[in-house]
Amino acid sequence: MIIFRYLAKNVVVTMLAVTAVLLLIIMSGRFIKYLAEAAAGELGVDVLFSLIGYKLPSFLELILPLGLFLGILMSYGRLYLDSEMTVLSACGMSTKRLLFYTMMPSLFVMLLVGLLSLELSPWGTRKVDEIFRAQDARTEFDALVPGRFQELGGGGRVTYTEKLTDKRKRMGNVFISQRIEKPGKKPELILLVAESGSQYIDEATGSHFLLLENGYRYDGDPGDPEYRIIQYEKYGVNIPKPAERAARVKAELKPTLDLINSTNPQDIAQLQWRLSLPLLVPIITLIAIPLSRVNPRQGRWLRLLPSIFLYMGYLVLLSTTRTAIEDGKLSPQVGLIWVHVLFFAIGVILIGNLHHKIAWFRRSRQ
C-alpha cells in the first residue's frame, strides 16, 4: 500500500502540474482571441470571462488525458533514472502490479473525463453558443464605449462619442470618420460631427440607423482644397447588420441522451467521440507505462518526444475517423472502435515487451 501511495502521488502531482501549464497556455491563447474580438467591437467585454468559464470543460476533456500520459512518462522516467524502479523490480514489483497500481488513478481520471465529455462539455458548448448568438444580435450602437475611438461597422469607419446617457440610448458629442472606396476614383473621406445622436429603427424594414442631430458633414481628403461642408439638423447613418458567425454543428450542442437514439451520422459520430475520450485514458496508460522505461545513460527525455507523437497520432486518427463518419465516407457501425483496438494492441505489445525485460533482469540477478 505504501508503494501504491508513493507511485500514485508521483503520477498525480506531475499530471496536475502538466495539466495546469497546458490549461494556462490554451486558455491564455483563447482569451487573447476573445480580447481582440472585444477590442474590435465584436464581443462585449462583460462576457469574456463567462466564455472562458463555459469553455473550461471542453479544454479539460482533452488536456487531462494528455496530462496523465505525460505525468506517467515523466514521473516513472525519473524513477528509472534514480534507479528506484530498478530497486522495486528487484524487490518483487511485477509488471502486472505496476499496471494495477497505475490504473487506479487512471480510472479516476477516466471517470472525470467521462463526466466532462458526456455532460459538462456539451452544456458549456450550449452556453457559449447562446452568448455568441446574443452578441451577434448586437448592433454597432450597442458596442460603443464612451470616450474611446472604435473601428466599427467595417469599411474603416471610426466612431467616437463623449458620453452615453438615458440608459445608453443617447450619445453626446459624436464624431464619425469613414473612408469610402469608389471604383476608378480616389478614396473619399467623410467626417461627421454632431451634438447628439440616438438609435432609430425603421419599423417597415427593420433597419437600424444612427440619427445624428445638429452637426456638420465634411467630404474630401486632407490637404485637398476641394471639399464640401454640409450643415444638418438631422442626419441618418445606416448601422449595418452584424456579421453572423459560422453556425456550430448541431450535434455538438445536443445533450448526450439526445444522441443515443439518433440515426443521424453526425449525431452518431459525436456520441462516439464523447465516449472515446474517457475510453482513451486507460489505453494511453497502458502505452505510457512501458514507454516511461528509460536507461539512466540515455536521459529521461529520450522517449518523450516519440511518445507525444504516438499520442497525437491516436487523437488525429480519432478525429479523422469522426470526420469521415460525419461526411458519410465511413460506416457508423465501424465507428471509432477500430482506433481504440489498434492502440490497445500497441499497448499490449509494449507492456508484454516490458514484462520480458523485467523477467530477464530478475533472472540475471539470481
Protein backbone atom coordinates (compact mmCIF):
# COMPACT_ATOMS: atom_id res chain seq x y z
CA MET A 1 0.00 0.00 0.00
CA ILE A 2 2.91 2.33 0.73
CA ILE A 3 4.31 1.71 -2.75
CA PHE A 4 0.91 2.36 -4.30
CA ARG A 5 0.56 5.71 -2.50
CA TYR A 6 4.10 6.67 -3.49
CA LEU A 7 3.61 5.85 -7.18
CA ALA A 8 0.12 7.38 -7.31
CA LYS A 9 1.33 10.58 -5.65
CA ASN A 10 4.16 10.95 -8.17
CA VAL A 11 1.82 10.43 -11.12
CA VAL A 12 -0.99 12.67 -9.83
CA VAL A 13 1.27 15.56 -8.79
CA THR A 14 3.07 15.53 -12.13
CA MET A 15 -0.23 15.20 -14.01
CA LEU A 16 -1.73 18.21 -12.18
CA ALA A 17 1.37 20.31 -12.84
CA VAL A 18 1.39 19.45 -16.57
CA THR A 19 -2.38 19.97 -16.83
CA ALA A 20 -2.15 23.38 -15.14
CA VAL A 21 0.59 24.54 -17.51
CA LEU A 22 -1.21 23.30 -20.64
CA LEU A 23 -4.52 24.75 -19.45
CA LEU A 24 -2.91 28.13 -18.79
CA ILE A 25 -1.35 28.18 -22.26
CA ILE A 26 -4.56 27.22 -24.07
CA MET A 27 -6.81 29.50 -22.01
CA SER A 28 -4.41 32.42 -22.49
CA GLY A 29 -4.46 31.93 -26.26
CA ARG A 30 -8.25 31.72 -26.35
CA PHE A 31 -8.62 34.73 -24.02
CA ILE A 32 -6.34 36.81 -26.25
CA LYS A 33 -8.50 35.84 -29.24
CA TYR A 34 -11.69 36.90 -27.44
CA LEU A 35 -9.99 40.08 -26.21
CA ALA A 36 -9.09 41.01 -29.80
CA GLU A 37 -12.72 40.50 -30.83
CA ALA A 38 -13.85 42.66 -27.91
CA ALA A 39 -11.42 45.41 -28.95
CA ALA A 40 -12.90 45.27 -32.45
CA GLY A 41 -16.41 45.61 -31.02
CA GLU A 42 -17.46 42.08 -31.98
CA LEU A 43 -17.80 40.95 -28.36
CA GLY A 44 -18.80 42.69 -25.16
CA VAL A 45 -16.10 42.95 -22.52
CA ASP A 46 -18.58 41.74 -19.91
CA VAL A 47 -18.86 38.26 -21.48
CA LEU A 48 -15.14 37.43 -21.81
CA PHE A 49 -14.76 35.59 -18.51
CA SER A 50 -18.10 33.84 -18.97
CA LEU A 51 -16.91 32.47 -22.31
CA ILE A 52 -13.66 31.19 -20.79
CA GLY A 53 -15.55 29.61 -17.89
CA TYR A 54 -18.01 27.79 -20.13
CA LYS A 55 -15.15 26.63 -22.41
CA LEU A 56 -13.21 25.19 -19.47
CA PRO A 57 -14.83 21.69 -19.61
CA SER A 58 -14.02 21.44 -23.33
CA PHE A 59 -10.40 22.30 -22.61
CA LEU A 60 -10.09 19.88 -19.70
CA GLU A 61 -11.59 16.88 -21.51
CA LEU A 62 -8.65 16.99 -23.94
CA ILE A 63 -5.93 18.25 -21.58
CA LEU A 64 -6.47 15.79 -18.70
CA PRO A 65 -5.65 12.65 -20.75
CA LEU A 66 -2.53 14.31 -22.12
CA GLY A 67 -1.60 15.46 -18.62
CA LEU A 68 -1.95 11.90 -17.32
CA PHE A 69 0.08 10.50 -20.22
CA LEU A 70 2.92 12.98 -19.65
CA GLY A 71 2.60 12.56 -15.89
CA ILE A 72 3.28 8.81 -16.16
CA LEU A 73 6.14 9.31 -18.59
CA MET A 74 7.86 11.98 -16.52
CA SER A 75 7.30 10.56 -13.02
CA TYR A 76 8.18 6.96 -13.89
CA GLY A 77 11.05 8.18 -16.08
CA ARG A 78 12.52 9.93 -13.06
CA LEU A 79 12.11 6.74 -11.00
CA TYR A 80 14.03 4.78 -13.64
CA LEU A 81 16.80 7.41 -13.77
CA ASP A 82 17.15 7.36 -9.97
CA SER A 83 17.16 3.52 -10.08
CA GLU A 84 14.11 3.46 -7.79
CA MET A 85 12.15 1.40 -10.29
CA THR A 86 15.07 -1.00 -10.54
CA VAL A 87 15.01 -1.46 -6.79
CA LEU A 88 11.25 -2.03 -6.85
CA SER A 89 11.65 -4.64 -9.59
CA ALA A 90 14.39 -6.39 -7.61
CA CYS A 91 12.07 -6.47 -4.58
CA GLY A 92 9.32 -8.22 -6.48
CA MET A 93 7.40 -5.44 -8.25
CA SER A 94 5.95 -7.21 -11.27
CA THR A 95 4.62 -5.62 -14.46
CA LYS A 96 1.08 -6.64 -13.53
CA ARG A 97 1.32 -4.99 -10.14
CA LEU A 98 2.79 -1.81 -11.65
CA LEU A 99 -0.02 -1.78 -14.18
CA PHE A 100 -2.62 -2.29 -11.45
CA TYR A 101 -1.19 0.48 -9.27
CA THR A 102 -1.11 2.90 -12.22
CA MET A 103 -4.62 2.06 -13.39
CA MET A 104 -6.14 3.15 -10.08
CA PRO A 105 -5.53 6.91 -10.54
CA SER A 106 -6.10 6.38 -14.27
CA LEU A 107 -9.64 5.11 -13.65
CA PHE A 108 -10.37 8.18 -11.52
CA VAL A 109 -9.21 10.41 -14.40
CA MET A 110 -11.31 8.31 -16.77
CA LEU A 111 -14.46 8.96 -14.71
CA LEU A 112 -13.68 12.67 -14.54
CA VAL A 113 -13.09 12.89 -18.31
CA GLY A 114 -16.32 10.95 -18.86
CA LEU A 115 -18.26 13.47 -16.76
CA LEU A 116 -16.69 16.34 -18.69
CA SER A 117 -17.19 14.75 -22.10
CA LEU A 118 -20.74 13.44 -21.65
CA GLU A 119 -22.30 16.19 -19.52
CA LEU A 120 -20.32 19.32 -18.71
CA SER A 121 -18.69 19.98 -22.08
CA PRO A 122 -21.96 19.83 -24.12
CA TRP A 123 -23.62 22.05 -21.50
CA GLY A 124 -20.76 24.57 -21.71
CA THR A 125 -20.86 24.49 -25.51
CA ARG A 126 -24.57 25.34 -25.48
CA LYS A 127 -23.93 28.24 -23.10
CA VAL A 128 -21.13 29.57 -25.32
CA ASP A 129 -23.40 29.31 -28.34
CA GLU A 130 -26.11 31.29 -26.51
CA ILE A 131 -23.61 34.04 -25.67
CA PHE A 132 -22.38 34.23 -29.26
CA ARG A 133 -25.92 34.43 -30.57
CA ALA A 134 -26.71 37.27 -28.17
CA GLN A 135 -23.52 39.06 -29.18
CA ASP A 136 -24.27 38.62 -32.89
CA ALA A 137 -27.65 40.26 -32.34
CA ARG A 138 -25.96 43.43 -31.08
CA THR A 139 -25.65 46.41 -33.39
CA GLU A 140 -22.75 48.82 -33.79
CA PHE A 141 -24.55 51.19 -31.43
CA ASP A 142 -24.58 48.58 -28.64
CA ALA A 143 -20.81 48.14 -28.89
CA LEU A 144 -19.95 51.80 -28.31
CA VAL A 145 -17.81 52.74 -25.31
CA PRO A 146 -17.82 56.40 -24.23
CA GLY A 147 -14.55 58.26 -24.63
CA ARG A 148 -12.97 55.75 -27.00
CA PHE A 149 -12.32 55.80 -30.74
CA GLN A 150 -13.61 52.48 -32.09
CA GLU A 151 -13.37 50.96 -35.55
CA LEU A 152 -16.86 49.55 -36.00
CA GLY A 153 -19.13 48.50 -38.82
CA GLY A 154 -16.31 47.54 -41.17
CA GLY A 155 -15.15 49.61 -44.09
CA GLY A 156 -12.74 51.64 -41.99
CA ARG A 157 -15.43 53.51 -40.03
CA VAL A 158 -14.22 55.04 -36.76
CA THR A 159 -16.82 56.18 -34.22
CA TYR A 160 -16.42 58.27 -31.09
CA THR A 161 -18.88 59.56 -28.52
CA GLU A 162 -18.02 61.54 -25.44
CA LYS A 163 -20.88 60.16 -23.35
CA LEU A 164 -23.85 57.80 -23.38
CA THR A 165 -26.93 58.80 -21.41
CA ASP A 166 -30.54 57.76 -20.94
CA LYS A 167 -29.57 54.09 -20.41
CA ARG A 168 -27.20 54.11 -23.42
CA LYS A 169 -29.94 55.38 -25.73
CA ARG A 170 -28.47 58.84 -26.41
CA MET A 171 -24.97 59.89 -27.45
CA GLY A 172 -23.30 63.21 -26.75
CA ASN A 173 -20.64 64.95 -28.88
CA VAL A 174 -20.40 62.42 -31.67
CA PHE A 175 -17.58 62.03 -34.22
CA ILE A 176 -17.63 59.57 -37.14
CA SER A 177 -14.93 59.10 -39.76
CA GLN A 178 -15.35 56.80 -42.76
CA ARG A 179 -13.30 56.31 -45.92
CA ILE A 180 -15.38 55.34 -48.96
CA GLU A 181 -13.73 53.50 -51.84
CA LYS A 182 -15.04 54.39 -55.32
CA PRO A 183 -14.07 52.40 -58.45
CA GLY A 184 -11.72 54.42 -60.65
CA LYS A 185 -11.64 57.35 -58.22
CA LYS A 186 -9.65 58.45 -55.21
CA PRO A 187 -11.00 57.27 -51.86
CA GLU A 188 -13.22 59.88 -50.26
CA LEU A 189 -13.06 60.72 -46.56
CA ILE A 190 -16.31 61.62 -44.81
CA LEU A 191 -16.31 63.24 -41.37
CA LEU A 192 -19.47 63.65 -39.32
CA VAL A 193 -19.74 65.65 -36.11
CA ALA A 194 -22.90 66.15 -34.10
CA GLU A 195 -24.05 67.45 -30.74
CA SER A 196 -26.07 64.32 -30.04
CA GLY A 197 -27.29 61.09 -31.55
CA SER A 198 -29.66 58.22 -30.90
CA GLN A 199 -30.64 54.89 -32.43
CA TYR A 200 -33.60 54.76 -34.78
CA ILE A 201 -35.27 51.57 -36.05
CA ASP A 202 -37.33 51.61 -39.24
CA GLU A 203 -40.36 49.50 -38.40
CA ALA A 204 -41.12 48.83 -42.07
CA THR A 205 -37.72 47.35 -42.96
CA GLY A 206 -36.24 46.60 -39.54
CA SER A 207 -33.11 48.57 -40.49
CA HIS A 208 -31.15 50.33 -37.75
CA PHE A 209 -29.94 53.91 -38.12
CA LEU A 210 -27.85 56.25 -36.02
CA LEU A 211 -29.81 59.51 -36.02
CA LEU A 212 -27.41 62.44 -35.58
CA GLU A 213 -28.68 65.88 -34.57
CA ASN A 214 -27.26 69.40 -35.05
CA GLY A 215 -23.96 68.78 -36.78
CA TYR A 216 -21.80 69.02 -39.87
CA ARG A 217 -20.66 66.68 -42.63
CA TYR A 218 -17.25 67.20 -44.26
CA ASP A 219 -16.46 65.50 -47.59
CA GLY A 220 -12.95 65.44 -49.09
CA ASP A 221 -9.37 64.42 -48.49
CA PRO A 222 -6.98 66.07 -46.02
CA GLY A 223 -4.75 68.52 -47.91
CA ASP A 224 -7.04 68.63 -50.93
CA PRO A 225 -8.59 72.09 -51.44
CA GLU A 226 -11.71 70.54 -52.95
CA TYR A 227 -14.02 69.66 -50.10
CA ARG A 228 -17.65 70.16 -49.12
CA ILE A 229 -19.31 71.16 -45.84
CA ILE A 230 -22.96 70.37 -45.10
CA GLN A 231 -24.77 71.56 -42.01
CA TYR A 232 -27.70 69.46 -40.88
CA GLU A 233 -30.31 69.29 -38.16
CA LYS A 234 -30.83 65.56 -38.52
CA TYR A 235 -28.71 63.01 -40.38
CA GLY A 236 -29.17 59.25 -40.53
CA VAL A 237 -26.23 56.83 -40.65
CA ASN A 238 -27.05 53.23 -41.51
CA ILE A 239 -25.94 50.72 -38.87
CA PRO A 240 -25.10 47.53 -40.77
CA LYS A 241 -26.39 44.22 -39.51
CA PRO A 242 -23.61 42.41 -37.64
CA ALA A 243 -22.00 39.51 -39.47
CA GLU A 244 -23.06 36.17 -38.04
CA ARG A 245 -20.54 33.59 -37.00
CA ALA A 246 -20.29 30.25 -38.71
CA ALA A 247 -23.06 28.00 -37.43
CA ARG A 248 -21.96 25.38 -34.96
CA VAL A 249 -22.51 21.73 -35.68
CA LYS A 250 -25.86 20.95 -34.08
CA ALA A 251 -24.58 17.62 -32.74
CA GLU A 252 -22.06 19.46 -30.55
CA LEU A 253 -24.92 21.30 -28.83
CA LYS A 254 -27.11 18.28 -28.13
CA PRO A 255 -27.20 16.55 -24.74
CA THR A 256 -25.75 13.04 -24.76
CA LEU A 257 -29.15 11.42 -24.12
CA ASP A 258 -30.50 13.03 -27.32
CA LEU A 259 -27.64 11.49 -29.33
CA ILE A 260 -28.18 7.91 -28.18
CA ASN A 261 -31.36 7.19 -30.14
CA SER A 262 -30.42 9.28 -33.18
CA THR A 263 -29.67 7.73 -36.60
CA ASN A 264 -28.05 10.89 -37.98
CA PRO A 265 -24.36 10.19 -38.88
CA GLN A 266 -23.27 13.47 -37.28
CA ASP A 267 -25.03 12.57 -34.03
CA ILE A 268 -23.54 9.06 -34.05
CA ALA A 269 -20.05 10.44 -34.70
CA GLN A 270 -20.47 12.98 -31.89
CA LEU A 271 -21.67 10.30 -29.46
CA GLN A 272 -18.76 8.01 -30.31
CA TRP A 273 -16.33 10.92 -29.89
CA ARG A 274 -17.69 11.70 -26.42
CA LEU A 275 -17.37 8.05 -25.42
CA SER A 276 -13.89 7.82 -26.93
CA LEU A 277 -12.34 10.45 -24.67
CA PRO A 278 -12.82 8.52 -21.39
CA LEU A 279 -12.01 5.22 -23.16
CA LEU A 280 -8.76 6.78 -24.34
CA VAL A 281 -7.50 7.23 -20.76
CA PRO A 282 -6.83 3.58 -19.75
CA ILE A 283 -5.38 2.81 -23.19
CA ILE A 284 -2.83 5.63 -23.05
CA THR A 285 -1.99 4.48 -19.51
CA LEU A 286 -1.25 1.02 -20.89
CA ILE A 287 1.01 2.62 -23.52
CA ALA A 288 2.72 5.11 -21.19
CA ILE A 289 3.95 2.56 -18.63
CA PRO A 290 6.39 0.74 -20.94
CA LEU A 291 7.34 3.95 -22.76
CA SER A 292 8.40 5.52 -19.44
CA ARG A 293 11.18 2.96 -19.02
CA VAL A 294 14.48 4.65 -19.85
CA ASN A 295 18.14 3.78 -19.47
CA PRO A 296 19.88 6.07 -16.94
CA ARG A 297 22.61 6.65 -19.51
CA GLN A 298 20.11 7.84 -22.13
CA GLY A 299 18.31 10.51 -20.09
CA ARG A 300 14.64 10.91 -19.25
CA TRP A 301 13.73 12.90 -22.38
CA LEU A 302 14.82 10.33 -24.98
CA ARG A 303 11.41 8.73 -25.40
CA LEU A 304 9.29 11.74 -24.51
CA LEU A 305 9.05 13.25 -27.99
CA PRO A 306 8.27 9.95 -29.82
CA SER A 307 5.69 9.18 -27.11
CA ILE A 308 3.97 12.53 -27.66
CA PHE A 309 3.90 11.86 -31.41
CA LEU A 310 2.28 8.47 -30.72
CA TYR A 311 -0.35 10.13 -28.51
CA MET A 312 -1.05 12.83 -31.11
CA GLY A 313 -1.38 10.11 -33.76
CA TYR A 314 -4.04 8.49 -31.57
CA LEU A 315 -6.03 11.74 -31.38
CA VAL A 316 -5.58 12.54 -35.07
CA LEU A 317 -6.86 9.10 -36.09
CA LEU A 318 -9.89 9.52 -33.82
CA SER A 319 -10.62 12.98 -35.21
CA THR A 320 -10.13 11.91 -38.84
CA THR A 321 -12.39 8.87 -38.40
CA ARG A 322 -15.02 11.03 -36.73
CA THR A 323 -14.98 13.43 -39.69
CA ALA A 324 -15.25 10.51 -42.13
CA ILE A 325 -18.36 9.25 -40.30
CA GLU A 326 -19.92 12.74 -40.33
CA ASP A 327 -19.28 13.05 -44.07
CA GLY A 328 -20.74 9.60 -44.77
CA LYS A 329 -17.40 8.20 -46.00
CA LEU A 330 -17.25 5.59 -43.25
CA SER A 331 -19.99 3.42 -41.83
CA PRO A 332 -21.11 4.39 -38.31
CA GLN A 333 -21.10 0.68 -37.45
CA VAL A 334 -17.33 0.64 -37.93
CA GLY A 335 -17.06 3.80 -35.87
CA LEU A 336 -14.09 4.82 -33.78
CA ILE A 337 -13.67 1.47 -32.06
CA TRP A 338 -11.04 0.26 -34.54
CA VAL A 339 -8.72 3.10 -33.50
CA HIS A 340 -9.02 2.09 -29.84
CA VAL A 341 -8.43 -1.58 -30.71
CA LEU A 342 -5.32 -0.62 -32.70
CA PHE A 343 -3.74 1.37 -29.88
CA PHE A 344 -4.83 -1.14 -27.27
CA ALA A 345 -2.92 -3.77 -29.28
CA ILE A 346 0.11 -1.45 -29.37
CA GLY A 347 -0.15 -1.06 -25.59
CA VAL A 348 -0.38 -4.84 -25.06
CA ILE A 349 2.71 -5.41 -27.23
CA LEU A 350 4.68 -2.73 -25.37
CA ILE A 351 3.62 -3.99 -21.94
CA GLY A 352 4.50 -7.55 -22.96
CA ASN A 353 7.94 -6.38 -24.05
CA LEU A 354 8.41 -4.61 -20.70
CA HIS A 355 7.36 -7.78 -18.87
CA HIS A 356 10.01 -9.83 -20.70
CA LYS A 357 12.70 -7.26 -19.88
CA ILE A 358 11.82 -7.26 -16.18
CA ALA A 359 11.75 -11.07 -16.13
CA TRP A 360 15.17 -11.17 -17.82
CA PHE A 361 16.50 -8.63 -15.29
CA ARG A 362 15.36 -10.81 -12.39
CA ARG A 363 16.92 -13.96 -13.87
CA SER A 364 20.20 -12.13 -14.41
CA ARG A 365 20.26 -11.03 -10.76
CA GLN A 366 19.88 -14.62 -9.49
